[in-house]
Structure formats: structure tokens, C-alpha cells
Amino acid sequence: MTEENVILVNENDEPIGLMPKMEAHEKALLHRAFSVFIMNDKGETMLQQRASDKYHSPLLWTNTCCSHQREGEGNIEAGKRRLMEEMGFTANLEELFSFVYKAPFDNGLTEHEFDHVMIGFYNDAPKINPEEVADWKWMQPSDIKKDMAQNPQHYTEWFKIIFERFYDHLMKNIPVQ
């Protein structure tokens, strides 16, 4: 299986080329990505714990799923694809906002992403792919915020960045318990 390419972009999210995912992370080059947050009717957010053999951030908690768009693939289409690949279900998704962030890791890799953050709604249990996901749980956003402050080492670096923006968006736009 060949390594997937990521779409290199400029600060305006305009494509400027393709590069193997690992190389882009080694060189900390800006590339297009997405982050999906699934919520249920109780206002809880579905978190996933990354699989133990992931090449970075193994066993850390993060948003429902995230990945990179493929060449010619739209943001929503990519989010739905990856949601099925990782969590075993699909949901209607809506893009909330996008922003650029940079998160270096201890292993020398860096996520430098133009991230498209999406939300969807689902109430059932996922059928997780054990190659991608070790565990999952529902949590109220306010409880995630508290736990992240007390136990930041349990969460992925990008989730700590993205969640703050997602939480602020929720507080302004979506009624949450």
C-alpha cells in the first residue's frame, strides 16, 4: 500500500502541490486537513482514543475523527469517508470554521494544517476500526474542557488547540447542556 499524499496549500487554502503525508509532517509544511466533531442529542461530544500503534500520539484522546482530504475530494466528502473508516458510521456534516495551526511532536514530526472543522450528529455507538481507534466515549464539552485543563497529557496536541475554538463556537452558536 502506498503512502497517501496530502494537499499542500498556502495561507488562503489554495492548493500548491501534493506530498507524501510523512514527508509533509517531517518538513512541517502547511497542508489541508479536517477535524470532525460528532455530537448526540444530549449535547455530548464523541471522543476517540487513538490506537496504540499510531505513528504519533498513540492512546491519546481526541475529536471523533480527523485526517487529510485527498486530491479532488471536498471537505464534507473527506469527513464522511474518514468517519466511516475510523468509527464505522456516517452522519451529515456541516463545516463550522477553518483555521491554521502548528503542533510539533516529540518524535520530530509537526502538524502544520489548514484545518476545516466540521460537526455532525449521531446517537448510537460507533463500530470502531481497531487499527485506528482503541476506545471511544461521550463527554459533555464542559467536562472535556475541565479534564483537559487537569490532564492535558491525555489529549492530542491538535485537539487541545482545536477544541478551544470548537468550544467557543458551541457557546456562541449551539445550545449545549
Protein backbone atom coordinates (compact mmCIF):
# COMPACT_ATOMS: atom_id res chain seq x y z
CA MET A 1 0.00 0.00 0.00
CA THR A 2 1.42 3.37 -0.98
CA GLU A 3 1.52 6.27 1.42
CA GLU A 4 -1.24 8.82 0.97
CA ASN A 5 -0.43 12.27 -0.30
CA VAL A 6 -1.58 15.44 1.41
CA ILE A 7 -2.57 18.60 -0.39
CA LEU A 8 -0.05 21.35 0.26
CA VAL A 9 -1.75 24.74 0.49
CA ASN A 10 -0.89 28.38 1.03
CA GLU A 11 -2.35 30.56 3.81
CA ASN A 12 -5.50 31.06 1.66
CA ASP A 13 -6.11 27.28 1.39
CA GLU A 14 -5.16 27.33 -2.30
CA PRO A 15 -3.51 24.07 -3.43
CA ILE A 16 0.16 24.40 -4.34
CA GLY A 17 1.11 20.73 -4.71
CA LEU A 18 0.98 17.20 -3.33
CA MET A 19 3.42 15.48 -1.00
CA PRO A 20 3.54 12.15 0.85
CA LYS A 21 1.94 12.62 4.29
CA MET A 22 5.01 11.63 6.31
CA GLU A 23 7.30 13.98 4.35
CA ALA A 24 4.91 16.89 4.88
CA HIS A 25 4.89 16.17 8.62
CA GLU A 26 8.68 15.85 8.74
CA LYS A 27 9.12 19.19 6.91
CA ALA A 28 6.26 20.91 8.81
CA LEU A 29 4.72 22.11 5.54
CA LEU A 30 1.23 23.61 5.54
CA HIS A 31 -1.34 21.15 4.21
CA ARG A 32 -5.12 20.75 4.11
CA ALA A 33 -6.79 18.71 6.85
CA PHE A 34 -10.13 18.29 8.57
CA SER A 35 -11.44 17.57 12.06
CA VAL A 36 -14.87 16.06 12.71
CA PHE A 37 -16.81 16.51 15.94
CA ILE A 38 -19.86 14.26 16.38
CA MET A 39 -22.44 15.25 18.97
CA ASN A 40 -25.55 13.49 20.25
CA ASP A 41 -28.99 14.69 21.33
CA LYS A 42 -27.72 15.09 24.92
CA GLY A 43 -25.16 17.68 23.78
CA GLU A 44 -22.26 15.27 24.32
CA THR A 45 -19.24 15.05 22.04
CA MET A 46 -17.91 11.68 20.87
CA LEU A 47 -14.20 11.34 21.57
CA GLN A 48 -11.89 8.65 20.30
CA GLN A 49 -8.73 7.25 21.83
CA ARG A 50 -6.13 6.72 19.14
CA ALA A 51 -4.90 3.16 18.56
CA SER A 52 -1.75 2.07 20.37
CA ASP A 53 0.28 1.60 17.18
CA LYS A 54 -0.35 5.04 15.64
CA TYR A 55 2.91 6.68 14.50
CA HIS A 56 2.26 9.68 16.75
CA SER A 57 0.01 10.40 19.72
CA PRO A 58 -0.88 6.75 20.43
CA LEU A 59 -3.58 6.15 23.08
CA LEU A 60 -4.33 9.85 23.44
CA TRP A 61 -7.89 11.18 23.35
CA THR A 62 -9.00 13.39 20.50
CA ASN A 63 -12.03 14.52 18.49
CA THR A 64 -14.26 11.96 16.76
CA CYS A 65 -12.04 11.72 13.70
CA CYS A 66 -9.59 13.72 11.65
CA SER A 67 -7.45 13.24 8.59
CA HIS A 68 -6.50 14.77 5.26
CA GLN A 69 -8.52 15.40 2.12
CA ARG A 70 -7.49 13.52 -0.98
CA GLU A 71 -6.84 15.26 -4.28
CA GLY A 72 -10.19 16.25 -5.80
CA GLU A 73 -12.14 15.41 -2.62
CA GLY A 74 -14.31 18.02 -0.92
CA ASN A 75 -14.14 18.69 2.82
CA ILE A 76 -17.52 17.13 3.69
CA GLU A 77 -16.88 14.14 1.43
CA ALA A 78 -13.49 13.58 3.11
CA GLY A 79 -15.01 13.90 6.59
CA LYS A 80 -17.71 11.33 5.82
CA ARG A 81 -15.15 8.93 4.30
CA ARG A 82 -12.88 9.07 7.31
CA LEU A 83 -15.74 8.88 9.80
CA MET A 84 -16.72 5.56 8.21
CA GLU A 85 -13.10 4.31 8.06
CA GLU A 86 -12.36 5.09 11.72
CA MET A 87 -15.69 5.00 13.53
CA GLY A 88 -17.86 2.78 11.29
CA PHE A 89 -20.77 5.14 10.68
CA THR A 90 -21.75 8.11 8.59
CA ALA A 91 -23.52 11.33 9.52
CA ASN A 92 -24.46 14.53 7.78
CA LEU A 93 -21.65 17.01 8.35
CA GLU A 94 -21.53 20.79 8.31
CA GLU A 95 -18.35 22.84 8.15
CA LEU A 96 -18.17 25.26 11.08
CA PHE A 97 -14.92 27.13 10.51
CA SER A 98 -11.34 26.70 9.34
CA PHE A 99 -8.02 27.95 10.66
CA VAL A 100 -4.28 27.30 10.52
CA TYR A 101 -2.40 25.70 13.39
CA LYS A 102 1.02 24.21 14.02
CA ALA A 103 1.64 21.44 16.59
CA PRO A 104 5.12 19.87 16.93
CA PHE A 105 5.51 16.38 18.42
CA ASP A 106 8.29 14.83 20.49
CA ASN A 107 9.14 12.44 17.62
CA GLY A 108 10.24 15.27 15.29
CA LEU A 109 7.02 15.40 13.27
CA THR A 110 4.88 18.54 13.06
CA GLU A 111 1.24 19.00 12.17
CA HIS A 112 1.01 22.29 10.24
CA GLU A 113 -2.51 22.29 8.95
CA PHE A 114 -5.17 24.39 7.32
CA ASP A 115 -7.90 22.63 9.28
CA HIS A 116 -11.57 22.51 8.26
CA VAL A 117 -13.61 21.82 11.41
CA MET A 118 -16.94 20.04 10.93
CA ILE A 119 -19.83 18.95 13.11
CA GLY A 120 -22.34 16.13 12.75
CA PHE A 121 -24.96 14.46 14.91
CA TYR A 122 -25.32 10.78 15.80
CA ASN A 123 -26.82 8.96 18.78
CA ASP A 124 -25.68 5.35 18.51
CA ALA A 125 -22.48 3.53 19.38
CA PRO A 126 -19.78 3.51 16.70
CA LYS A 127 -18.26 0.35 15.21
CA ILE A 128 -14.64 1.38 15.73
CA ASN A 129 -11.81 0.22 13.49
CA PRO A 130 -9.24 -1.22 15.98
CA GLU A 131 -6.36 -0.33 13.63
CA GLU A 132 -7.29 3.33 14.08
CA VAL A 133 -9.16 3.59 17.38
CA ALA A 134 -8.52 1.97 20.78
CA ASP A 135 -11.66 3.25 22.54
CA TRP A 136 -14.37 5.91 22.43
CA LYS A 137 -16.67 7.78 24.81
CA TRP A 138 -19.28 10.53 25.00
CA MET A 139 -18.45 13.60 27.10
CA GLN A 140 -20.11 16.94 27.72
CA PRO A 141 -17.98 19.72 26.19
CA SER A 142 -17.72 21.44 29.59
CA ASP A 143 -16.37 18.20 31.11
CA ILE A 144 -13.84 17.85 28.27
CA LYS A 145 -12.68 21.41 28.94
CA LYS A 146 -12.24 20.68 32.68
CA ASP A 147 -10.49 17.36 32.14
CA MET A 148 -8.20 18.82 29.51
CA ALA A 149 -7.13 21.53 31.99
CA GLN A 150 -6.44 18.92 34.70
CA ASN A 151 -4.95 16.20 32.46
CA PRO A 152 -3.55 17.77 29.29
CA GLN A 153 -1.21 14.80 28.80
CA HIS A 154 -4.26 12.60 27.99
CA TYR A 155 -5.14 14.58 24.83
CA THR A 156 -3.56 15.07 21.41
CA GLU A 157 -1.77 18.34 20.80
CA TRP A 158 -4.04 19.33 17.92
CA PHE A 159 -7.18 18.52 19.89
CA LYS A 160 -6.13 20.92 22.65
CA ILE A 161 -5.85 23.67 20.01
CA ILE A 162 -8.95 22.80 18.00
CA PHE A 163 -11.19 22.12 20.99
CA GLU A 164 -10.80 25.65 22.35
CA ARG A 165 -12.10 27.07 19.07
CA PHE A 166 -14.81 24.41 18.80
CA TYR A 167 -15.95 25.06 22.39
CA ASP A 168 -16.09 28.83 21.79
CA HIS A 169 -18.12 28.20 18.63
CA LEU A 170 -20.54 25.96 20.56
CA MET A 171 -21.02 28.51 23.32
CA LYS A 172 -21.89 31.18 20.75
CA ASN A 173 -23.96 29.17 18.27
CA ILE A 174 -25.35 25.87 19.52
CA PRO A 175 -27.37 25.28 22.67
CA VAL A 176 -25.34 22.87 24.80
CA GLN A 177 -26.38 21.46 28.17
